[in-house]
C-alpha atoms as a PDB file:
ATOM      1  CA  MET A   1      -7.119  17.916  -8.359  1.00  0.00           C
ATOM      2  CA  ASN A   2      -3.445  17.755  -7.624  1.00  0.00           C
ATOM      3  CA  PHE A   3      -2.254  14.288  -6.603  1.00  0.00           C
ATOM      4  CA  SER A   4       1.223  14.216  -5.179  1.00  0.00           C
ATOM      5  CA  PHE A   5       2.863  10.887  -4.462  1.00  0.00           C
ATOM      6  CA  ASP A   6       6.245   9.436  -5.118  1.00  0.00           C
ATOM      7  CA  VAL A   7       6.307   6.339  -7.339  1.00  0.00           C
ATOM      8  CA  GLN A   8       9.496   5.082  -5.694  1.00  0.00           C
ATOM      9  CA  GLU A   9       7.905   5.327  -2.242  1.00  0.00           C
ATOM     10  CA  VAL A  10       4.815   3.465  -3.477  1.00  0.00           C
ATOM     11  CA  MET A  11       7.075   0.745  -4.902  1.00  0.00           C
ATOM     12  CA  PHE A  12       8.941   0.524  -1.574  1.00  0.00           C
ATOM     13  CA  VAL A  13       5.719   0.163   0.431  1.00  0.00           C
ATOM     14  CA  ALA A  14       4.357  -2.491  -1.974  1.00  0.00           C
ATOM     15  CA  ALA A  15       7.583  -4.524  -1.970  1.00  0.00           C
ATOM     16  CA  VAL A  16       8.014  -4.370   1.814  1.00  0.00           C
ATOM     17  CA  THR A  17       4.343  -5.251   2.332  1.00  0.00           C
ATOM     18  CA  HIS A  18       4.791  -8.338   0.166  1.00  0.00           C
ATOM     19  CA  SER A  19       8.017  -9.307   1.946  1.00  0.00           C
ATOM     20  CA  CYS A  20       6.372  -8.949   5.354  1.00  0.00           C
ATOM     21  CA  LEU A  21       3.278 -10.940   4.344  1.00  0.00           C
ATOM     22  CA  THR A  22       5.374 -13.806   2.977  1.00  0.00           C
ATOM     23  CA  ASN A  23       8.205 -13.413   5.533  1.00  0.00           C
ATOM     24  CA  ASP A  24      10.685 -13.098   2.654  1.00  0.00           C
ATOM     25  CA  GLN A  25      13.930 -12.127   4.374  1.00  0.00           C
ATOM     26  CA  THR A  26      16.179 -12.554   1.330  1.00  0.00           C
ATOM     27  CA  LYS A  27      16.404  -8.795   0.606  1.00  0.00           C
ATOM     28  CA  VAL A  28      17.072  -5.596   2.511  1.00  0.00           C
ATOM     29  CA  HIS A  29      14.817  -2.783   1.319  1.00  0.00           C
ATOM     30  CA  TYR A  30      15.935   0.864   1.342  1.00  0.00           C
ATOM     31  CA  LEU A  31      14.015   4.056   0.676  1.00  0.00           C
ATOM     32  CA  LEU A  32      16.617   6.707  -0.077  1.00  0.00           C
ATOM     33  CA  GLU A  33      16.543  10.427  -0.690  1.00  0.00           C
ATOM     34  CA  SER A  34      19.107  12.110  -2.909  1.00  0.00           C
ATOM     35  CA  HIS A  35      20.591  15.539  -2.258  1.00  0.00           C
ATOM     36  CA  ASP A  36      18.034  17.053  -4.660  1.00  0.00           C
ATOM     37  CA  GLY A  37      15.077  15.553  -2.756  1.00  0.00           C
ATOM     38  CA  MET A  38      14.286  12.707  -5.156  1.00  0.00           C
ATOM     39  CA  LYS A  39      13.293   9.418  -3.531  1.00  0.00           C
ATOM     40  CA  LYS A  40      14.726   6.116  -4.700  1.00  0.00           C
ATOM     41  CA  TYR A  41      13.771   2.533  -3.825  1.00  0.00           C
ATOM     42  CA  LEU A  42      16.677   0.103  -3.633  1.00  0.00           C
ATOM     43  CA  PHE A  43      16.787  -3.513  -2.556  1.00  0.00           C
ATOM     44  CA  VAL A  44      19.866  -5.661  -2.113  1.00  0.00           C
ATOM     45  CA  PRO A  45      20.391  -9.307  -1.229  1.00  0.00           C
ATOM     46  CA  ALA A  46      20.443  -9.762   2.539  1.00  0.00           C
ATOM     47  CA  LEU A  47      23.983 -11.140   2.396  1.00  0.00           C
ATOM     48  CA  VAL A  48      25.417  -7.940   0.910  1.00  0.00           C
ATOM     49  CA  SER A  49      27.114  -5.750   3.473  1.00  0.00           C
ATOM     50  CA  TYR A  50      25.751  -2.253   4.098  1.00  0.00           C
ATOM     51  CA  ARG A  51      29.239  -0.902   3.381  1.00  0.00           C
ATOM     52  CA  GLU A  52      29.135  -2.377  -0.115  1.00  0.00           C
ATOM     53  CA  ILE A  53      26.196  -0.176  -1.130  1.00  0.00           C
ATOM     54  CA  ASP A  54      27.039   3.199  -2.656  1.00  0.00           C
ATOM     55  CA  LEU A  55      25.018   5.598  -0.525  1.00  0.00           C
ATOM     56  CA  ILE A  56      27.437   8.519  -0.541  1.00  0.00           C
ATOM     57  CA  ASN A  57      24.964  10.946  -2.129  1.00  0.00           C
ATOM     58  CA  ASP A  58      21.813   9.462  -0.590  1.00  0.00           C
ATOM     59  CA  LYS A  59      20.177   9.684   2.816  1.00  0.00           C
ATOM     60  CA  ILE A  60      18.407   6.576   4.139  1.00  0.00           C
ATOM     61  CA  LEU A  61      14.780   7.464   4.881  1.00  0.00           C
ATOM     62  CA  CYS A  62      13.719   3.933   5.762  1.00  0.00           C
ATOM     63  CA  LYS A  63      15.321   0.492   5.881  1.00  0.00           C
ATOM     64  CA  PHE A  64      13.635  -2.889   6.293  1.00  0.00           C
ATOM     65  CA  ASP A  65      16.031  -5.740   7.031  1.00  0.00           C
ATOM     66  CA  HIS A  66      15.328  -9.324   8.103  1.00  0.00           C
ATOM     67  CA  ASN A  67      14.604  -8.287  11.705  1.00  0.00           C
ATOM     68  CA  MET A  68      12.002  -5.702  10.711  1.00  0.00           C
ATOM     69  CA  ILE A  69      10.431  -8.014   8.138  1.00  0.00           C
ATOM     70  CA  GLN A  70      10.063 -10.823  10.681  1.00  0.00           C
ATOM     71  CA  LYS A  71       8.682  -8.451  13.342  1.00  0.00           C
ATOM     72  CA  PHE A  72       6.088  -7.005  10.960  1.00  0.00           C
ATOM     73  CA  HIS A  73       5.241 -10.490   9.604  1.00  0.00           C
ATOM     74  CA  ILE A  74       4.389 -11.693  13.096  1.00  0.00           C
ATOM     75  CA  GLU A  75       2.398  -8.565  13.990  1.00  0.00           C
ATOM     76  CA  ALA A  76       0.460  -8.527  10.691  1.00  0.00           C
ATOM     77  CA  GLY A  77      -0.734 -12.092  10.946  1.00  0.00           C
ATOM     78  CA  ASN A  78      -2.796 -13.453   8.089  1.00  0.00           C
ATOM     79  CA  ASP A  79      -6.289 -12.015   8.016  1.00  0.00           C
ATOM     80  CA  GLY A  80      -8.349  -9.433   6.172  1.00  0.00           C
ATOM     81  CA  LEU A  81      -6.657  -6.522   7.917  1.00  0.00           C
ATOM     82  CA  SER A  82      -3.046  -7.656   7.348  1.00  0.00           C
ATOM     83  CA  VAL A  83      -2.362  -5.796   4.096  1.00  0.00           C
ATOM     84  CA  LYS A  84      -4.048  -2.551   5.222  1.00  0.00           C
ATOM     85  CA  TRP A  85      -2.207  -2.612   8.549  1.00  0.00           C
ATOM     86  CA  LEU A  86       1.151  -3.319   6.883  1.00  0.00           C
ATOM     87  CA  GLU A  87       0.766  -0.514   4.349  1.00  0.00           C
ATOM     88  CA  GLY A  88      -0.164   1.942   7.084  1.00  0.00           C
ATOM     89  CA  ALA A  89       2.533   0.758   9.484  1.00  0.00           C
ATOM     90  CA  ILE A  90       5.259   0.936   6.825  1.00  0.00           C
ATOM     91  CA  GLN A  91       4.134   4.458   5.942  1.00  0.00           C
ATOM     92  CA  GLN A  92       4.299   5.377   9.635  1.00  0.00           C
ATOM     93  CA  VAL A  93       7.899   4.098   9.794  1.00  0.00           C
ATOM     94  CA  ILE A  94       8.812   6.148   6.711  1.00  0.00           C
ATOM     95  CA  ASN A  95       7.295   9.260   8.302  1.00  0.00           C
ATOM     96  CA  GLY A  96       9.053   8.641  11.617  1.00  0.00           C
ATOM     97  CA  GLN A  97       5.808   8.088  13.481  1.00  0.00           C
ATOM     98  CA  GLU A  98       4.986   5.511  16.116  1.00  0.00           C
ATOM     99  CA  VAL A  99       3.458   2.391  14.594  1.00  0.00           C
ATOM    100  CA  MET A 100      -0.065   1.705  15.736  1.00  0.00           C
ATOM    101  CA  SER A 101      -0.636  -1.889  16.845  1.00  0.00           C
ATOM    102  CA  LYS A 102      -2.829  -4.095  14.730  1.00  0.00           C
ATOM    103  CA  GLU A 103      -5.249  -4.518  17.631  1.00  0.00           C
ATOM    104  CA  ARG A 104      -5.695  -0.737  17.857  1.00  0.00           C
ATOM    105  CA  VAL A 105      -6.275  -0.456  14.105  1.00  0.00           C
ATOM    106  CA  ALA A 106      -8.792  -3.321  14.251  1.00  0.00           C
ATOM    107  CA  SER A 107     -10.690  -1.581  17.074  1.00  0.00           C
ATOM    108  CA  LEU A 108     -10.830   1.655  15.053  1.00  0.00           C
ATOM    109  CA  TYR A 109     -12.241  -0.187  12.010  1.00  0.00           C
ATOM    110  CA  SER A 110     -14.894  -1.904  14.141  1.00  0.00           C
ATOM    111  CA  GLN A 111     -16.273   1.361  15.586  1.00  0.00           C
END
């Protein structure tokens, strides 16, 4: 079996999931891609300006700032489906897909 996943992307999803669950808005989370296709997870204090980050050689694939964290915190709620929904929704954002609402995900799990 050939398993292909990017450790940096997994770290990004885990860190953002935790931040959204706890509504921790102290960091801005970035998933970057270098010119050679390597992904990199970077977080910076929320008070640091975007212009202060050296992203010259990197493309931003996904960014979660305080607005996104708060939005996802509210949508996720605090129940048994929160973590699963957050992980899936964050992955959908990374992939540029529309995020499925938690109610829709809950209805799919109940069928």
